[in-house]
Amino acid sequence: MLRAMPDSRNQPELLSPELLARLERLELVTRKIFRGRLKGERRSRRQGQSVEFADFRNYVPGDDLRFMDWNLYARLDKLFLKLFREEEDLHFFVLLDASTSMDFGDPTKLHYAKQLAAALGFIGLVRADRVQLETLGGSRRARAPVLRGRRSLRQMLECLADMQPGANVPLAESLRHFALRNSGKGILVLLTDLLDKRGYEQALRVLLAQRMDVYVIHILSPEELEPDLKGDLRLVDCEDGEVTDITVSRPLLDRYQKTLAAFVAGARDFCTRRGMVYMLVSTAVPVEDVVTRYLRQRGLVR
């Protein structure tokens, strides 16, 4: 059984043998209808011309007469065309925010994002989908290869291992760069903490024009969700070096919680109104639970 090696910071392995066994039984699901380039292992919601019968529809001049149901015509004296379910593949994109703010926590938010990407990518590879992993704002800017098939697992894990936090490119700029190079349809999962001083709204609007089934997985650490701080502190912004001196008090922590709740509610509302699926995830939640329970509930896997 192939295992992902932990990184230099003693982070957990990306995929355990136990998790791989559970992921084998899952598949990625899209809420939209796309035409695949190659035949895959999934059943399409689009009617095609395979061997599995789906339905009938009325004949329209110009339809292929080979798919006419002549037995039904003999009984009803009406022309009906047979429709069939078609098998097709899916293009699955995973975009990992590798800005410096993601290099925080234990495990780091970036490592947790890698674990999620590895789990979802493995599901796609097993089902013969086209899987593409890309870094946003990290040290690796080259276009990621398109992976397909179970044999690509090692290459996928190596690609993830190479993704390291790097230059703090604005999220909107990174997504525009991705959109210019990838015009295909499919499922897109964005793994990010949404911590960008320029805001996330402009960045997420870039994805709306891609005609993809978009999932925004908002990753935060327990320390960010429930900070355990007190006393006089000097905070240094990890992305731009800005320094702020604060005195942590109960009223300040209460105000922080209200600000965080408003931020999360705003992101959820922004995504929901635009047809994107939003989900807040703490790095304290096991990746297995996120994939097999929460993302199943949201309709990404089944």
C-alpha atoms as a PDB file:
ATOM      1  CA  MET A   1       0.000   0.000   0.000  1.00  0.00           C
ATOM      2  CA  LEU A   2       1.423   3.379  -1.012  1.00  0.00           C
ATOM      3  CA  ARG A   3       1.873   5.809   1.870  1.00  0.00           C
ATOM      4  CA  ALA A   4       2.515   9.534   1.729  1.00  0.00           C
ATOM      5  CA  MET A   5       5.604  10.499   3.696  1.00  0.00           C
ATOM      6  CA  PRO A   6       5.246  13.258   6.296  1.00  0.00           C
ATOM      7  CA  ASP A   7       6.953  16.555   5.472  1.00  0.00           C
ATOM      8  CA  SER A   8      10.017  18.037   7.141  1.00  0.00           C
ATOM      9  CA  ARG A   9       7.920  19.590   9.914  1.00  0.00           C
ATOM     10  CA  ASN A  10       6.728  16.200  11.156  1.00  0.00           C
ATOM     11  CA  GLN A  11       3.242  16.680   9.788  1.00  0.00           C
ATOM     12  CA  PRO A  12       1.010  13.580   9.550  1.00  0.00           C
ATOM     13  CA  GLU A  13       1.071  11.501   6.388  1.00  0.00           C
ATOM     14  CA  LEU A  14      -1.303  12.653   3.670  1.00  0.00           C
ATOM     15  CA  LEU A  15      -3.185   9.361   3.238  1.00  0.00           C
ATOM     16  CA  SER A  16      -3.264   6.453   5.648  1.00  0.00           C
ATOM     17  CA  PRO A  17      -3.938   2.894   4.386  1.00  0.00           C
ATOM     18  CA  GLU A  18      -7.159   2.860   6.428  1.00  0.00           C
ATOM     19  CA  LEU A  19      -8.420   6.041   4.767  1.00  0.00           C
ATOM     20  CA  LEU A  20      -7.477   4.769   1.308  1.00  0.00           C
ATOM     21  CA  ALA A  21      -9.631   1.694   1.893  1.00  0.00           C
ATOM     22  CA  ARG A  22     -12.651   3.846   2.750  1.00  0.00           C
ATOM     23  CA  LEU A  23     -12.121   6.213  -0.175  1.00  0.00           C
ATOM     24  CA  GLU A  24     -12.113   3.307  -2.645  1.00  0.00           C
ATOM     25  CA  ARG A  25     -15.901   3.058  -2.348  1.00  0.00           C
ATOM     26  CA  LEU A  26     -16.636   6.739  -3.045  1.00  0.00           C
ATOM     27  CA  GLU A  27     -17.014   8.805  -6.190  1.00  0.00           C
ATOM     28  CA  LEU A  28     -17.132  12.522  -6.983  1.00  0.00           C
ATOM     29  CA  VAL A  29     -20.500  13.946  -8.003  1.00  0.00           C
ATOM     30  CA  THR A  30     -21.295  17.103  -9.914  1.00  0.00           C
ATOM     31  CA  ARG A  31     -24.492  19.136  -9.681  1.00  0.00           C
ATOM     32  CA  LYS A  32     -24.088  20.183 -13.308  1.00  0.00           C
ATOM     33  CA  ILE A  33     -24.054  18.351 -16.631  1.00  0.00           C
ATOM     34  CA  PHE A  34     -20.752  18.260 -18.483  1.00  0.00           C
ATOM     35  CA  ARG A  35     -19.564  16.458 -21.593  1.00  0.00           C
ATOM     36  CA  GLY A  36     -16.435  14.446 -20.835  1.00  0.00           C
ATOM     37  CA  ARG A  37     -13.588  14.069 -23.302  1.00  0.00           C
ATOM     38  CA  LEU A  38     -13.075  10.376 -22.686  1.00  0.00           C
ATOM     39  CA  LYS A  39     -15.146   7.457 -21.521  1.00  0.00           C
ATOM     40  CA  GLY A  40     -14.896   7.052 -17.765  1.00  0.00           C
ATOM     41  CA  GLU A  41     -16.411   4.926 -15.032  1.00  0.00           C
ATOM     42  CA  ARG A  42     -19.207   7.262 -13.921  1.00  0.00           C
ATOM     43  CA  ARG A  43     -22.809   7.468 -15.029  1.00  0.00           C
ATOM     44  CA  SER A  44     -23.655  10.770 -16.638  1.00  0.00           C
ATOM     45  CA  ARG A  45     -26.865  12.718 -16.009  1.00  0.00           C
ATOM     46  CA  ARG A  46     -26.757  13.573 -19.698  1.00  0.00           C
ATOM     47  CA  GLN A  47     -28.560  11.190 -22.055  1.00  0.00           C
ATOM     48  CA  GLY A  48     -26.246   9.699 -24.623  1.00  0.00           C
ATOM     49  CA  GLN A  49     -25.852   6.632 -26.757  1.00  0.00           C
ATOM     50  CA  SER A  50     -24.494   3.866 -24.515  1.00  0.00           C
ATOM     51  CA  VAL A  51     -26.087   0.525 -23.754  1.00  0.00           C
ATOM     52  CA  GLU A  52     -28.104   1.545 -20.665  1.00  0.00           C
ATOM     53  CA  PHE A  53     -31.652   2.646 -21.511  1.00  0.00           C
ATOM     54  CA  ALA A  54     -32.829   5.875 -19.844  1.00  0.00           C
ATOM     55  CA  ASP A  55     -36.103   7.170 -21.329  1.00  0.00           C
ATOM     56  CA  PHE A  56     -38.149   8.017 -24.431  1.00  0.00           C
ATOM     57  CA  ARG A  57     -38.871  11.322 -26.113  1.00  0.00           C
ATOM     58  CA  ASN A  58     -40.926  12.369 -29.096  1.00  0.00           C
ATOM     59  CA  TYR A  59     -39.272  12.103 -32.488  1.00  0.00           C
ATOM     60  CA  VAL A  60     -38.067  15.388 -34.010  1.00  0.00           C
ATOM     61  CA  PRO A  61     -37.220  15.596 -37.748  1.00  0.00           C
ATOM     62  CA  GLY A  62     -33.482  15.142 -38.107  1.00  0.00           C
ATOM     63  CA  ASP A  63     -33.125  12.628 -35.251  1.00  0.00           C
ATOM     64  CA  ASP A  64     -31.078   9.504 -35.882  1.00  0.00           C
ATOM     65  CA  LEU A  65     -33.518   6.825 -37.087  1.00  0.00           C
ATOM     66  CA  ARG A  66     -31.296   4.091 -35.656  1.00  0.00           C
ATOM     67  CA  PHE A  67     -32.602   4.937 -32.188  1.00  0.00           C
ATOM     68  CA  MET A  68     -36.274   4.889 -33.144  1.00  0.00           C
ATOM     69  CA  ASP A  69     -38.434   2.481 -31.137  1.00  0.00           C
ATOM     70  CA  TRP A  70     -40.312   0.717 -33.959  1.00  0.00           C
ATOM     71  CA  ASN A  71     -42.105  -1.635 -31.576  1.00  0.00           C
ATOM     72  CA  LEU A  72     -43.648   1.339 -29.803  1.00  0.00           C
ATOM     73  CA  TYR A  73     -44.558   2.854 -33.167  1.00  0.00           C
ATOM     74  CA  ALA A  74     -46.359  -0.366 -34.156  1.00  0.00           C
ATOM     75  CA  ARG A  75     -48.417  -0.239 -30.935  1.00  0.00           C
ATOM     76  CA  LEU A  76     -49.142   3.499 -30.653  1.00  0.00           C
ATOM     77  CA  ASP A  77     -48.670   4.733 -34.206  1.00  0.00           C
ATOM     78  CA  LYS A  78     -46.373   7.458 -32.851  1.00  0.00           C
ATOM     79  CA  LEU A  79     -42.656   8.005 -33.280  1.00  0.00           C
ATOM     80  CA  PHE A  80     -40.506   7.865 -30.145  1.00  0.00           C
ATOM     81  CA  LEU A  81     -36.744   8.036 -29.802  1.00  0.00           C
ATOM     82  CA  LYS A  82     -34.907   5.872 -27.249  1.00  0.00           C
ATOM     83  CA  LEU A  83     -32.509   7.704 -24.900  1.00  0.00           C
ATOM     84  CA  PHE A  84     -29.603   6.047 -23.152  1.00  0.00           C
ATOM     85  CA  ARG A  85     -27.387   6.816 -20.183  1.00  0.00           C
ATOM     86  CA  GLU A  86     -23.822   7.566 -21.149  1.00  0.00           C
ATOM     87  CA  GLU A  87     -20.665   6.961 -19.164  1.00  0.00           C
ATOM     88  CA  GLU A  88     -18.264   9.868 -19.037  1.00  0.00           C
ATOM     89  CA  ASP A  89     -15.296  11.180 -17.110  1.00  0.00           C
ATOM     90  CA  LEU A  90     -15.044  14.344 -15.075  1.00  0.00           C
ATOM     91  CA  HIS A  91     -12.427  17.084 -14.803  1.00  0.00           C
ATOM     92  CA  PHE A  92     -11.667  17.687 -11.127  1.00  0.00           C
ATOM     93  CA  PHE A  93      -9.659  20.758 -10.083  1.00  0.00           C
ATOM     94  CA  VAL A  94      -8.233  21.286  -6.587  1.00  0.00           C
ATOM     95  CA  LEU A  95      -6.764  24.722  -5.871  1.00  0.00           C
ATOM     96  CA  LEU A  96      -4.656  25.028  -2.703  1.00  0.00           C
ATOM     97  CA  ASP A  97      -4.017  28.417  -1.137  1.00  0.00           C
ATOM     98  CA  ALA A  98      -0.305  28.337  -0.241  1.00  0.00           C
ATOM     99  CA  SER A  99       0.030  31.884   1.081  1.00  0.00           C
ATOM    100  CA  THR A 100       2.027  32.348   4.282  1.00  0.00           C
ATOM    101  CA  SER A 101      -1.096  32.535   6.450  1.00  0.00           C
ATOM    102  CA  MET A 102      -1.816  28.896   5.561  1.00  0.00           C
ATOM    103  CA  ASP A 103       1.479  27.884   7.227  1.00  0.00           C
ATOM    104  CA  PHE A 104      -0.073  28.086  10.683  1.00  0.00           C
ATOM    105  CA  GLY A 105      -1.373  25.599  13.231  1.00  0.00           C
ATOM    106  CA  ASP A 106      -0.592  22.007  14.128  1.00  0.00           C
ATOM    107  CA  PRO A 107      -1.129  20.498  11.638  1.00  0.00           C
ATOM    108  CA  THR A 108      -0.710  23.579   9.494  1.00  0.00           C
ATOM    109  CA  LYS A 109      -3.697  24.684   7.458  1.00  0.00           C
ATOM    110  CA  LEU A 110      -1.693  24.024   4.301  1.00  0.00           C
ATOM    111  CA  HIS A 111      -0.882  20.466   5.326  1.00  0.00           C
ATOM    112  CA  TYR A 112      -4.530  19.889   6.196  1.00  0.00           C
ATOM    113  CA  ALA A 113      -5.474  21.248   2.761  1.00  0.00           C
ATOM    114  CA  LYS A 114      -2.981  18.811   1.216  1.00  0.00           C
ATOM    115  CA  GLN A 115      -4.638  15.937   3.077  1.00  0.00           C
ATOM    116  CA  LEU A 116      -8.065  16.955   1.784  1.00  0.00           C
ATOM    117  CA  ALA A 117      -6.693  17.380  -1.742  1.00  0.00           C
ATOM    118  CA  ALA A 118      -5.026  13.948  -1.582  1.00  0.00           C
ATOM    119  CA  ALA A 119      -8.224  12.266  -0.376  1.00  0.00           C
ATOM    120  CA  LEU A 120     -10.475  13.887  -2.979  1.00  0.00           C
ATOM    121  CA  GLY A 121      -7.874  13.448  -5.712  1.00  0.00           C
ATOM    122  CA  PHE A 122      -7.568   9.744  -4.929  1.00  0.00           C
ATOM    123  CA  ILE A 123     -11.345   9.320  -5.291  1.00  0.00           C
ATOM    124  CA  GLY A 124     -11.116  10.940  -8.712  1.00  0.00           C
ATOM    125  CA  LEU A 125      -8.162   8.805  -9.811  1.00  0.00           C
ATOM    126  CA  VAL A 126      -9.896   5.589  -8.784  1.00  0.00           C
ATOM    127  CA  ARG A 127     -12.934   6.566 -10.900  1.00  0.00           C
ATOM    128  CA  ALA A 128     -10.759   7.491 -13.913  1.00  0.00           C
ATOM    129  CA  ASP A 129     -11.545  11.206 -13.632  1.00  0.00           C
ATOM    130  CA  ARG A 130      -9.040  13.810 -14.785  1.00  0.00           C
ATOM    131  CA  VAL A 131      -7.470  15.288 -11.634  1.00  0.00           C
ATOM    132  CA  GLN A 132      -5.504  18.541 -11.600  1.00  0.00           C
ATOM    133  CA  LEU A 133      -3.944  20.084  -8.461  1.00  0.00           C
ATOM    134  CA  GLU A 134      -2.635  23.653  -8.452  1.00  0.00           C
ATOM    135  CA  THR A 135      -1.036  25.995  -5.930  1.00  0.00           C
ATOM    136  CA  LEU A 136      -2.276  29.538  -5.387  1.00  0.00           C
ATOM    137  CA  GLY A 137       0.259  32.020  -4.076  1.00  0.00           C
ATOM    138  CA  GLY A 138       2.890  29.411  -3.273  1.00  0.00           C
ATOM    139  CA  SER A 139       6.395  28.679  -4.427  1.00  0.00           C
ATOM    140  CA  ARG A 140       5.309  26.421  -7.281  1.00  0.00           C
ATOM    141  CA  ARG A 141       3.783  28.356 -10.177  1.00  0.00           C
ATOM    142  CA  ALA A 142       4.222  25.871 -13.032  1.00  0.00           C
ATOM    143  CA  ARG A 143       1.067  24.389 -14.480  1.00  0.00           C
ATOM    144  CA  ALA A 144       0.207  21.151 -12.717  1.00  0.00           C
ATOM    145  CA  PRO A 145      -0.069  17.979 -14.805  1.00  0.00           C
ATOM    146  CA  VAL A 146      -3.453  16.414 -15.490  1.00  0.00           C
ATOM    147  CA  LEU A 147      -3.516  13.071 -13.671  1.00  0.00           C
ATOM    148  CA  ARG A 148      -5.701  10.102 -14.502  1.00  0.00           C
ATOM    149  CA  GLY A 149      -5.969   6.570 -13.170  1.00  0.00           C
ATOM    150  CA  ARG A 150      -4.877   4.797 -10.016  1.00  0.00           C
ATOM    151  CA  ARG A 151      -1.275   4.606 -11.220  1.00  0.00           C
ATOM    152  CA  SER A 152      -1.031   8.402 -10.919  1.00  0.00           C
ATOM    153  CA  LEU A 153      -1.396   8.303  -7.118  1.00  0.00           C
ATOM    154  CA  ARG A 154       2.338   8.492  -6.456  1.00  0.00           C
ATOM    155  CA  GLN A 155       2.732  11.426  -8.849  1.00  0.00           C
ATOM    156  CA  MET A 156      -0.165  13.224  -7.150  1.00  0.00           C
ATOM    157  CA  LEU A 157       1.370  12.754  -3.705  1.00  0.00           C
ATOM    158  CA  GLU A 158       4.749  13.958  -4.932  1.00  0.00           C
ATOM    159  CA  CYS A 159       3.091  17.011  -6.466  1.00  0.00           C
ATOM    160  CA  LEU A 160       1.417  17.805  -3.144  1.00  0.00           C
ATOM    161  CA  ALA A 161       4.651  17.286  -1.202  1.00  0.00           C
ATOM    162  CA  ASP A 162       6.353  19.869  -3.433  1.00  0.00           C
ATOM    163  CA  MET A 163       3.744  22.529  -2.624  1.00  0.00           C
ATOM    164  CA  GLN A 164       5.225  24.888  -0.059  1.00  0.00           C
ATOM    165  CA  PRO A 165       4.103  28.290   1.262  1.00  0.00           C
ATOM    166  CA  GLY A 166       5.740  31.079  -0.661  1.00  0.00           C
ATOM    167  CA  ALA A 167       5.060  34.443  -2.252  1.00  0.00           C
ATOM    168  CA  ASN A 168       1.910  36.129  -0.965  1.00  0.00           C
ATOM    169  CA  VAL A 169       0.166  36.672  -4.276  1.00  0.00           C
ATOM    170  CA  PRO A 170      -3.341  38.150  -3.899  1.00  0.00           C
ATOM    171  CA  LEU A 171      -6.004  35.445  -4.089  1.00  0.00           C
ATOM    172  CA  ALA A 172      -7.796  37.267  -6.918  1.00  0.00           C
ATOM    173  CA  GLU A 173      -4.602  37.443  -8.982  1.00  0.00           C
ATOM    174  CA  SER A 174      -3.893  33.743  -8.454  1.00  0.00           C
ATOM    175  CA  LEU A 175      -7.417  32.742  -9.495  1.00  0.00           C
ATOM    176  CA  ARG A 176      -7.303  34.966 -12.581  1.00  0.00           C
ATOM    177  CA  HIS A 177      -4.030  33.283 -13.546  1.00  0.00           C
ATOM    178  CA  PHE A 178      -5.705  29.889 -13.137  1.00  0.00           C
ATOM    179  CA  ALA A 179      -8.805  30.935 -15.105  1.00  0.00           C
ATOM    180  CA  LEU A 180      -6.726  32.135 -18.055  1.00  0.00           C
ATOM    181  CA  ARG A 181      -5.011  28.751 -18.326  1.00  0.00           C
ATOM    182  CA  ASN A 182      -7.997  26.508 -17.640  1.00  0.00           C
ATOM    183  CA  SER A 183     -11.262  26.976 -19.485  1.00  0.00           C
ATOM    184  CA  GLY A 184     -12.575  23.448 -19.004  1.00  0.00           C
ATOM    185  CA  LYS A 185     -15.714  22.474 -17.141  1.00  0.00           C
ATOM    186  CA  GLY A 186     -15.945  20.223 -14.116  1.00  0.00           C
ATOM    187  CA  ILE A 187     -15.749  20.351 -10.332  1.00  0.00           C
ATOM    188  CA  LEU A 188     -13.492  22.899  -8.650  1.00  0.00           C
ATOM    189  CA  VAL A 189     -12.595  22.728  -4.950  1.00  0.00           C
ATOM    190  CA  LEU A 190     -10.862  25.777  -3.458  1.00  0.00           C
ATOM    191  CA  LEU A 191      -8.986  25.086  -0.201  1.00  0.00           C
ATOM    192  CA  THR A 192      -8.207  28.384   1.537  1.00  0.00           C
ATOM    193  CA  ASP A 193      -8.391  30.344   4.772  1.00  0.00           C
ATOM    194  CA  LEU A 194      -9.815  33.343   2.846  1.00  0.00           C
ATOM    195  CA  LEU A 195      -7.388  35.586   4.757  1.00  0.00           C
ATOM    196  CA  ASP A 196      -6.555  38.275   2.231  1.00  0.00           C
ATOM    197  CA  LYS A 197      -6.535  41.941   3.200  1.00  0.00           C
ATOM    198  CA  ARG A 198      -7.928  42.753  -0.240  1.00  0.00           C
ATOM    199  CA  GLY A 199     -10.967  40.581   0.480  1.00  0.00           C
ATOM    200  CA  TYR A 200     -12.181  37.362  -1.087  1.00  0.00           C
ATOM    201  CA  GLU A 201     -15.162  38.664  -3.080  1.00  0.00           C
ATOM    202  CA  GLN A 202     -13.281  39.697  -6.214  1.00  0.00           C
ATOM    203  CA  ALA A 203     -11.338  36.440  -6.154  1.00  0.00           C
ATOM    204  CA  LEU A 204     -14.414  34.221  -5.944  1.00  0.00           C
ATOM    205  CA  ARG A 205     -16.168  36.192  -8.705  1.00  0.00           C
ATOM    206  CA  VAL A 206     -13.420  35.002 -11.067  1.00  0.00           C
ATOM    207  CA  LEU A 207     -14.665  31.440 -10.621  1.00  0.00           C
ATOM    208  CA  LEU A 208     -18.249  32.321 -11.547  1.00  0.00           C
ATOM    209  CA  ALA A 209     -17.315  32.776 -15.198  1.00  0.00           C
ATOM    210  CA  GLN A 210     -15.712  29.315 -15.365  1.00  0.00           C
ATOM    211  CA  ARG A 211     -19.020  27.413 -15.524  1.00  0.00           C
ATOM    212  CA  MET A 212     -17.706  24.966 -12.950  1.00  0.00           C
ATOM    213  CA  ASP A 213     -19.295  23.306  -9.952  1.00  0.00           C
ATOM    214  CA  VAL A 214     -17.471  25.280  -7.235  1.00  0.00           C
ATOM    215  CA  TYR A 215     -16.857  24.245  -3.619  1.00  0.00           C
ATOM    216  CA  VAL A 216     -15.151  26.678  -1.245  1.00  0.00           C
ATOM    217  CA  ILE A 217     -13.692  24.872   1.776  1.00  0.00           C
ATOM    218  CA  HIS A 218     -12.758  27.498   4.360  1.00  0.00           C
ATOM    219  CA  ILE A 219      -9.961  26.104   6.543  1.00  0.00           C
ATOM    220  CA  LEU A 220      -9.159  27.615   9.944  1.00  0.00           C
ATOM    221  CA  SER A 221      -7.166  26.304  12.900  1.00  0.00           C
ATOM    222  CA  PRO A 222      -8.619  25.833  16.402  1.00  0.00           C
ATOM    223  CA  GLU A 223      -6.383  28.695  17.579  1.00  0.00           C
ATOM    224  CA  GLU A 224      -8.124  30.998  15.096  1.00  0.00           C
ATOM    225  CA  LEU A 225     -11.599  29.765  15.950  1.00  0.00           C
ATOM    226  CA  GLU A 226     -11.107  29.829  19.749  1.00  0.00           C
ATOM    227  CA  PRO A 227      -7.950  31.822  20.578  1.00  0.00           C
ATOM    228  CA  ASP A 228      -6.501  31.114  24.015  1.00  0.00           C
ATOM    229  CA  LEU A 229      -4.610  34.360  24.565  1.00  0.00           C
ATOM    230  CA  LYS A 230      -4.200  36.839  27.389  1.00  0.00           C
ATOM    231  CA  GLY A 231      -2.027  39.746  28.445  1.00  0.00           C
ATOM    232  CA  ASP A 232       0.009  42.173  26.381  1.00  0.00           C
ATOM    233  CA  LEU A 233       0.982  40.814  22.974  1.00  0.00           C
ATOM    234  CA  ARG A 234       2.679  42.027  19.815  1.00  0.00           C
ATOM    235  CA  LEU A 235       1.049  40.609  16.694  1.00  0.00           C
ATOM    236  CA  VAL A 236       3.028  40.443  13.459  1.00  0.00           C
ATOM    237  CA  ASP A 237       1.180  39.885  10.188  1.00  0.00           C
ATOM    238  CA  CYS A 238       2.874  36.870   8.579  1.00  0.00           C
ATOM    239  CA  GLU A 239       2.135  38.107   5.056  1.00  0.00           C
ATOM    240  CA  ASP A 240       3.125  41.785   5.100  1.00  0.00           C
ATOM    241  CA  GLY A 241       4.987  42.143   8.398  1.00  0.00           C
ATOM    242  CA  GLU A 242       2.610  44.732   9.859  1.00  0.00           C
ATOM    243  CA  VAL A 243       2.995  44.988  13.657  1.00  0.00           C
ATOM    244  CA  THR A 244       0.151  45.607  16.132  1.00  0.00           C
ATOM    245  CA  ASP A 245       0.418  45.806  19.920  1.00  0.00           C
ATOM    246  CA  ILE A 246      -2.683  44.634  21.807  1.00  0.00           C
ATOM    247  CA  THR A 247      -3.843  43.839  25.315  1.00  0.00           C
ATOM    248  CA  VAL A 248      -5.985  40.719  25.282  1.00  0.00           C
ATOM    249  CA  SER A 249      -9.070  40.998  27.484  1.00  0.00           C
ATOM    250  CA  ARG A 250     -12.436  39.286  27.667  1.00  0.00           C
ATOM    251  CA  PRO A 251     -14.213  42.145  25.815  1.00  0.00           C
ATOM    252  CA  LEU A 252     -11.555  42.007  23.092  1.00  0.00           C
ATOM    253  CA  LEU A 253     -12.001  38.240  22.671  1.00  0.00           C
ATOM    254  CA  ASP A 254     -15.787  38.688  22.536  1.00  0.00           C
ATOM    255  CA  ARG A 255     -15.382  41.304  19.826  1.00  0.00           C
ATOM    256  CA  TYR A 256     -13.050  38.950  17.948  1.00  0.00           C
ATOM    257  CA  GLN A 257     -15.650  36.165  18.069  1.00  0.00           C
ATOM    258  CA  LYS A 258     -18.339  38.499  16.726  1.00  0.00           C
ATOM    259  CA  THR A 259     -16.052  39.679  13.933  1.00  0.00           C
ATOM    260  CA  LEU A 260     -15.144  36.094  13.034  1.00  0.00           C
ATOM    261  CA  ALA A 261     -18.813  35.026  13.048  1.00  0.00           C
ATOM    262  CA  ALA A 262     -19.696  37.929  10.764  1.00  0.00           C
ATOM    263  CA  PHE A 263     -16.797  37.057   8.448  1.00  0.00           C
ATOM    264  CA  VAL A 264     -17.873  33.411   8.192  1.00  0.00           C
ATOM    265  CA  ALA A 265     -21.539  34.324   7.710  1.00  0.00           C
ATOM    266  CA  GLY A 266     -20.603  36.818   4.998  1.00  0.00           C
ATOM    267  CA  ALA A 267     -18.504  34.243   3.130  1.00  0.00           C
ATOM    268  CA  ARG A 268     -21.243  31.625   3.384  1.00  0.00           C
ATOM    269  CA  ASP A 269     -23.894  34.064   2.152  1.00  0.00           C
ATOM    270  CA  PHE A 270     -21.664  35.302  -0.692  1.00  0.00           C
ATOM    271  CA  CYS A 271     -21.108  31.750  -1.941  1.00  0.00           C
ATOM    272  CA  THR A 272     -24.680  30.539  -1.467  1.00  0.00           C
ATOM    273  CA  ARG A 273     -26.157  33.469  -3.396  1.00  0.00           C
ATOM    274  CA  ARG A 274     -23.904  32.647  -6.340  1.00  0.00           C
ATOM    275  CA  GLY A 275     -24.444  28.904  -6.474  1.00  0.00           C
ATOM    276  CA  MET A 276     -21.173  27.937  -4.820  1.00  0.00           C
ATOM    277  CA  VAL A 277     -21.030  25.497  -1.905  1.00  0.00           C
ATOM    278  CA  TYR A 278     -19.333  26.913   1.203  1.00  0.00           C
ATOM    279  CA  MET A 279     -18.092  24.886   4.144  1.00  0.00           C
ATOM    280  CA  LEU A 280     -16.089  25.965   7.198  1.00  0.00           C
ATOM    281  CA  VAL A 281     -13.658  23.311   8.425  1.00  0.00           C
ATOM    282  CA  SER A 282     -11.422  23.250  11.500  1.00  0.00           C
ATOM    283  CA  THR A 283      -8.080  21.468  11.214  1.00  0.00           C
ATOM    284  CA  ALA A 284      -9.067  19.677  14.428  1.00  0.00           C
ATOM    285  CA  VAL A 285     -11.708  17.698  12.490  1.00  0.00           C
ATOM    286  CA  PRO A 286     -10.292  14.463  11.013  1.00  0.00           C
ATOM    287  CA  VAL A 287      -9.977  14.620   7.233  1.00  0.00           C
ATOM    288  CA  GLU A 288     -11.789  11.284   7.021  1.00  0.00           C
ATOM    289  CA  ASP A 289     -14.875  12.834   8.652  1.00  0.00           C
ATOM    290  CA  VAL A 290     -14.793  15.833   6.320  1.00  0.00           C
ATOM    291  CA  VAL A 291     -14.720  13.652   3.209  1.00  0.00           C
ATOM    292  CA  THR A 292     -16.939  10.737   4.199  1.00  0.00           C
ATOM    293  CA  ARG A 293     -19.528  12.688   6.213  1.00  0.00           C
ATOM    294  CA  TYR A 294     -19.649  16.432   5.614  1.00  0.00           C
ATOM    295  CA  LEU A 295     -18.766  16.513   1.916  1.00  0.00           C
ATOM    296  CA  ARG A 296     -21.125  13.596   1.345  1.00  0.00           C
ATOM    297  CA  GLN A 297     -23.880  15.647   2.960  1.00  0.00           C
ATOM    298  CA  ARG A 298     -22.990  18.587   0.702  1.00  0.00           C
ATOM    299  CA  GLY A 299     -23.211  16.371  -2.375  1.00  0.00           C
ATOM    300  CA  LEU A 300     -19.592  16.371  -3.522  1.00  0.00           C
ATOM    301  CA  VAL A 301     -19.049  12.649  -2.897  1.00  0.00           C
ATOM    302  CA  ARG A 302     -21.307   9.625  -2.611  1.00  0.00           C
END
